[in-house]
Structure formats: C-alpha cells, structure tokens
Amino acid sequence: MVVEAQLKAEGIRPLSVNLGEIEIEEELSKQQLSQLDTSLKSVGFELIDDKKSKTIEKIKNAIVTLVHHSDHSLKTNLSKFITSKIHQDYNYLSNLFSEVEGTTIEKYFISQRI
C-alpha cells in the first residue's frame, strides 16, 4: 500500500503492485525514475534495476511467500521449489545468492521460518 501510494503521488498509475514487483504501462524517463527512487527511499524501499539483484529479490520473495503467506507446508525440497518459481538452474541461483547475500538460500529460509 505504501509503494502504491508513492507511485500515485508521483503521478504513476501501476497496473499491478506485488511483493517486490511493480508493473506499469508506460516507460519512465530517467528523471521520473530518479524521483521515484528518492520517494521510495524516503519510506524504506528502493528500485532494483540490475539482473542479479532482481534474481535475488525473486528468490527472497518466493521464500517469504512460502513461509509467511502460504497455508501449506513445503511438499518438496527447497531447491525444487525455488527452481520451479525462478525457472533457472538451482546451482547458479544458490551460488549467486551466497555470493551477494553472504548466506545460503537454506539459511535464509530457516531464518524466515524462525
């Protein structure tokens, strides 16, 4: 709700706002992106525009959704779950996550469960 309010305050009409993702219809200028980034940072959010960061954010969002917003427990192992959500090789995702975050996907999953 906070992100959606910030978008509307900047005159941007989102098509959808989901955990970690915003879909908008029109292309934003560099000035609009800069203003939006400043606006979002003022409320504790930020724009992510590089591919690695987007992938890490997708992994985190999948885990947060599984742990905090799902009524059922994991019926498969975590690696298969992540692979099914992100559609990339788990070894690549695991190495990327560890490199960028300094922890493993499994440890992040456990910390979310706690």
C-alpha atoms as a PDB file:
ATOM      1  CA  MET A   1       0.000   0.000   0.000  1.00  0.00           C
ATOM      2  CA  VAL A   2       2.866   2.343   0.815  1.00  0.00           C
ATOM      3  CA  VAL A   3       4.571   1.718  -2.520  1.00  0.00           C
ATOM      4  CA  GLU A   4       1.310   2.157  -4.409  1.00  0.00           C
ATOM      5  CA  ALA A   5       0.696   5.464  -2.614  1.00  0.00           C
ATOM      6  CA  GLN A   6       4.201   6.674  -3.525  1.00  0.00           C
ATOM      7  CA  LEU A   7       3.630   5.747  -7.163  1.00  0.00           C
ATOM      8  CA  LYS A   8       0.357   7.633  -7.285  1.00  0.00           C
ATOM      9  CA  ALA A   9       1.949  10.648  -5.582  1.00  0.00           C
ATOM     10  CA  GLU A  10       4.486  10.694  -8.428  1.00  0.00           C
ATOM     11  CA  GLY A  11       1.671  10.522 -10.994  1.00  0.00           C
ATOM     12  CA  ILE A  12       2.433   6.920 -11.981  1.00  0.00           C
ATOM     13  CA  ARG A  13      -0.506   4.587 -12.401  1.00  0.00           C
ATOM     14  CA  PRO A  14       0.601   0.992 -11.719  1.00  0.00           C
ATOM     15  CA  LEU A  15      -1.045  -1.937 -13.473  1.00  0.00           C
ATOM     16  CA  SER A  16      -0.131  -4.137 -10.507  1.00  0.00           C
ATOM     17  CA  VAL A  17       1.846  -3.906  -7.288  1.00  0.00           C
ATOM     18  CA  ASN A  18       3.005  -7.196  -5.789  1.00  0.00           C
ATOM     19  CA  LEU A  19       5.654  -8.184  -3.290  1.00  0.00           C
ATOM     20  CA  GLY A  20       8.894  -6.901  -4.793  1.00  0.00           C
ATOM     21  CA  GLU A  21       7.447  -6.083  -8.218  1.00  0.00           C
ATOM     22  CA  ILE A  22       5.629  -3.200  -9.833  1.00  0.00           C
ATOM     23  CA  GLU A  23       4.153  -3.346 -13.314  1.00  0.00           C
ATOM     24  CA  ILE A  24       3.480  -0.074 -15.094  1.00  0.00           C
ATOM     25  CA  GLU A  25       2.117   0.598 -18.548  1.00  0.00           C
ATOM     26  CA  GLU A  26       4.301   3.489 -19.704  1.00  0.00           C
ATOM     27  CA  GLU A  27       8.090   3.786 -19.932  1.00  0.00           C
ATOM     28  CA  LEU A  28       9.502   6.157 -17.304  1.00  0.00           C
ATOM     29  CA  SER A  29      12.087   8.821 -18.098  1.00  0.00           C
ATOM     30  CA  LYS A  30      15.382   8.927 -16.190  1.00  0.00           C
ATOM     31  CA  GLN A  31      14.090  11.945 -14.255  1.00  0.00           C
ATOM     32  CA  GLN A  32      10.901  10.104 -13.287  1.00  0.00           C
ATOM     33  CA  LEU A  33      12.922   7.058 -12.196  1.00  0.00           C
ATOM     34  CA  SER A  34      15.204   9.261 -10.100  1.00  0.00           C
ATOM     35  CA  GLN A  35      12.234  10.996  -8.437  1.00  0.00           C
ATOM     36  CA  LEU A  36      10.538   7.654  -7.803  1.00  0.00           C
ATOM     37  CA  ASP A  37      13.733   6.188  -6.333  1.00  0.00           C
ATOM     38  CA  THR A  38      14.069   9.158  -3.969  1.00  0.00           C
ATOM     39  CA  SER A  39      10.404   8.894  -2.999  1.00  0.00           C
ATOM     40  CA  LEU A  40      10.638   5.166  -2.322  1.00  0.00           C
ATOM     41  CA  LYS A  41      13.855   5.529  -0.307  1.00  0.00           C
ATOM     42  CA  SER A  42      12.105   8.046   1.948  1.00  0.00           C
ATOM     43  CA  VAL A  43       9.745   5.256   3.055  1.00  0.00           C
ATOM     44  CA  GLY A  44      12.330   2.467   3.243  1.00  0.00           C
ATOM     45  CA  PHE A  45      12.152   0.967  -0.252  1.00  0.00           C
ATOM     46  CA  GLU A  46      14.406   1.145  -3.300  1.00  0.00           C
ATOM     47  CA  LEU A  47      14.383   0.465  -7.026  1.00  0.00           C
ATOM     48  CA  ILE A  48      16.308  -2.568  -8.211  1.00  0.00           C
ATOM     49  CA  ASP A  49      17.466  -2.420 -11.787  1.00  0.00           C
ATOM     50  CA  ASP A  50      20.279  -4.926 -12.257  1.00  0.00           C
ATOM     51  CA  LYS A  51      19.642  -8.549 -13.219  1.00  0.00           C
ATOM     52  CA  LYS A  52      21.445 -10.167 -10.264  1.00  0.00           C
ATOM     53  CA  SER A  53      19.596  -8.069  -7.701  1.00  0.00           C
ATOM     54  CA  LYS A  54      16.274  -8.846  -9.378  1.00  0.00           C
ATOM     55  CA  THR A  55      17.026 -12.571  -9.234  1.00  0.00           C
ATOM     56  CA  ILE A  56      17.995 -12.373  -5.548  1.00  0.00           C
ATOM     57  CA  GLU A  57      14.797 -10.433  -4.830  1.00  0.00           C
ATOM     58  CA  LYS A  58      12.726 -13.094  -6.632  1.00  0.00           C
ATOM     59  CA  ILE A  59      14.311 -15.822  -4.506  1.00  0.00           C
ATOM     60  CA  LYS A  60      13.617 -13.883  -1.306  1.00  0.00           C
ATOM     61  CA  ASN A  61      10.036 -13.144  -2.371  1.00  0.00           C
ATOM     62  CA  ALA A  62       9.390 -16.822  -3.160  1.00  0.00           C
ATOM     63  CA  ILE A  63      10.682 -17.846   0.271  1.00  0.00           C
ATOM     64  CA  VAL A  64       8.799 -15.097   2.127  1.00  0.00           C
ATOM     65  CA  THR A  65       5.589 -16.009   0.304  1.00  0.00           C
ATOM     66  CA  LEU A  66       6.083 -19.700   1.119  1.00  0.00           C
ATOM     67  CA  VAL A  67       6.843 -19.110   4.797  1.00  0.00           C
ATOM     68  CA  HIS A  68       4.551 -16.200   5.661  1.00  0.00           C
ATOM     69  CA  HIS A  69       1.712 -16.214   3.137  1.00  0.00           C
ATOM     70  CA  SER A  70       1.067 -19.880   2.443  1.00  0.00           C
ATOM     71  CA  ASP A  71      -1.301 -22.146   4.314  1.00  0.00           C
ATOM     72  CA  HIS A  72       0.512 -25.331   3.381  1.00  0.00           C
ATOM     73  CA  SER A  73       3.967 -26.646   4.152  1.00  0.00           C
ATOM     74  CA  LEU A  74       6.635 -27.395   1.590  1.00  0.00           C
ATOM     75  CA  LYS A  75       5.848 -30.771  -0.013  1.00  0.00           C
ATOM     76  CA  THR A  76       9.082 -30.923  -1.997  1.00  0.00           C
ATOM     77  CA  ASN A  77      12.627 -29.911  -1.226  1.00  0.00           C
ATOM     78  CA  LEU A  78      13.532 -26.230  -1.194  1.00  0.00           C
ATOM     79  CA  SER A  79      15.752 -26.415  -4.276  1.00  0.00           C
ATOM     80  CA  LYS A  80      12.933 -27.807  -6.433  1.00  0.00           C
ATOM     81  CA  PHE A  81      10.539 -25.193  -5.080  1.00  0.00           C
ATOM     82  CA  ILE A  82      12.936 -22.320  -5.886  1.00  0.00           C
ATOM     83  CA  THR A  83      13.713 -23.747  -9.335  1.00  0.00           C
ATOM     84  CA  SER A  84      10.003 -24.019 -10.137  1.00  0.00           C
ATOM     85  CA  LYS A  85       9.425 -20.375  -9.153  1.00  0.00           C
ATOM     86  CA  ILE A  86      12.522 -18.773 -10.702  1.00  0.00           C
ATOM     87  CA  HIS A  87      12.986 -21.084 -13.731  1.00  0.00           C
ATOM     88  CA  GLN A  88      16.774 -21.142 -13.521  1.00  0.00           C
ATOM     89  CA  ASP A  89      19.362 -23.747 -12.510  1.00  0.00           C
ATOM     90  CA  TYR A  90      19.466 -24.123  -8.723  1.00  0.00           C
ATOM     91  CA  ASN A  91      23.266 -24.325  -8.562  1.00  0.00           C
ATOM     92  CA  TYR A  92      23.503 -20.949 -10.300  1.00  0.00           C
ATOM     93  CA  LEU A  93      20.842 -19.453  -8.013  1.00  0.00           C
ATOM     94  CA  SER A  94      22.477 -20.879  -4.892  1.00  0.00           C
ATOM     95  CA  ASN A  95      25.931 -19.586  -5.816  1.00  0.00           C
ATOM     96  CA  LEU A  96      24.570 -16.156  -6.772  1.00  0.00           C
ATOM     97  CA  PHE A  97      22.563 -15.862  -3.557  1.00  0.00           C
ATOM     98  CA  SER A  98      25.527 -16.873  -1.396  1.00  0.00           C
ATOM     99  CA  GLU A  99      27.873 -14.506  -3.229  1.00  0.00           C
ATOM    100  CA  VAL A 100      25.590 -11.482  -2.946  1.00  0.00           C
ATOM    101  CA  GLU A 101      23.897 -12.096   0.415  1.00  0.00           C
ATOM    102  CA  GLY A 102      26.748 -13.774   2.311  1.00  0.00           C
ATOM    103  CA  THR A 103      24.466 -16.628   3.394  1.00  0.00           C
ATOM    104  CA  THR A 104      22.884 -19.644   1.760  1.00  0.00           C
ATOM    105  CA  ILE A 105      19.332 -19.938   0.483  1.00  0.00           C
ATOM    106  CA  GLU A 106      18.706 -22.637   3.076  1.00  0.00           C
ATOM    107  CA  LYS A 107      19.884 -20.426   5.952  1.00  0.00           C
ATOM    108  CA  TYR A 108      17.719 -17.577   4.666  1.00  0.00           C
ATOM    109  CA  PHE A 109      14.743 -19.973   4.535  1.00  0.00           C
ATOM    110  CA  ILE A 110      15.397 -21.107   8.115  1.00  0.00           C
ATOM    111  CA  SER A 111      15.730 -17.525   9.368  1.00  0.00           C
ATOM    112  CA  GLN A 112      12.378 -16.684   7.785  1.00  0.00           C
ATOM    113  CA  ARG A 113      10.749 -19.668   9.455  1.00  0.00           C
ATOM    114  CA  ILE A 114      12.113 -18.616  12.850  1.00  0.00           C
END
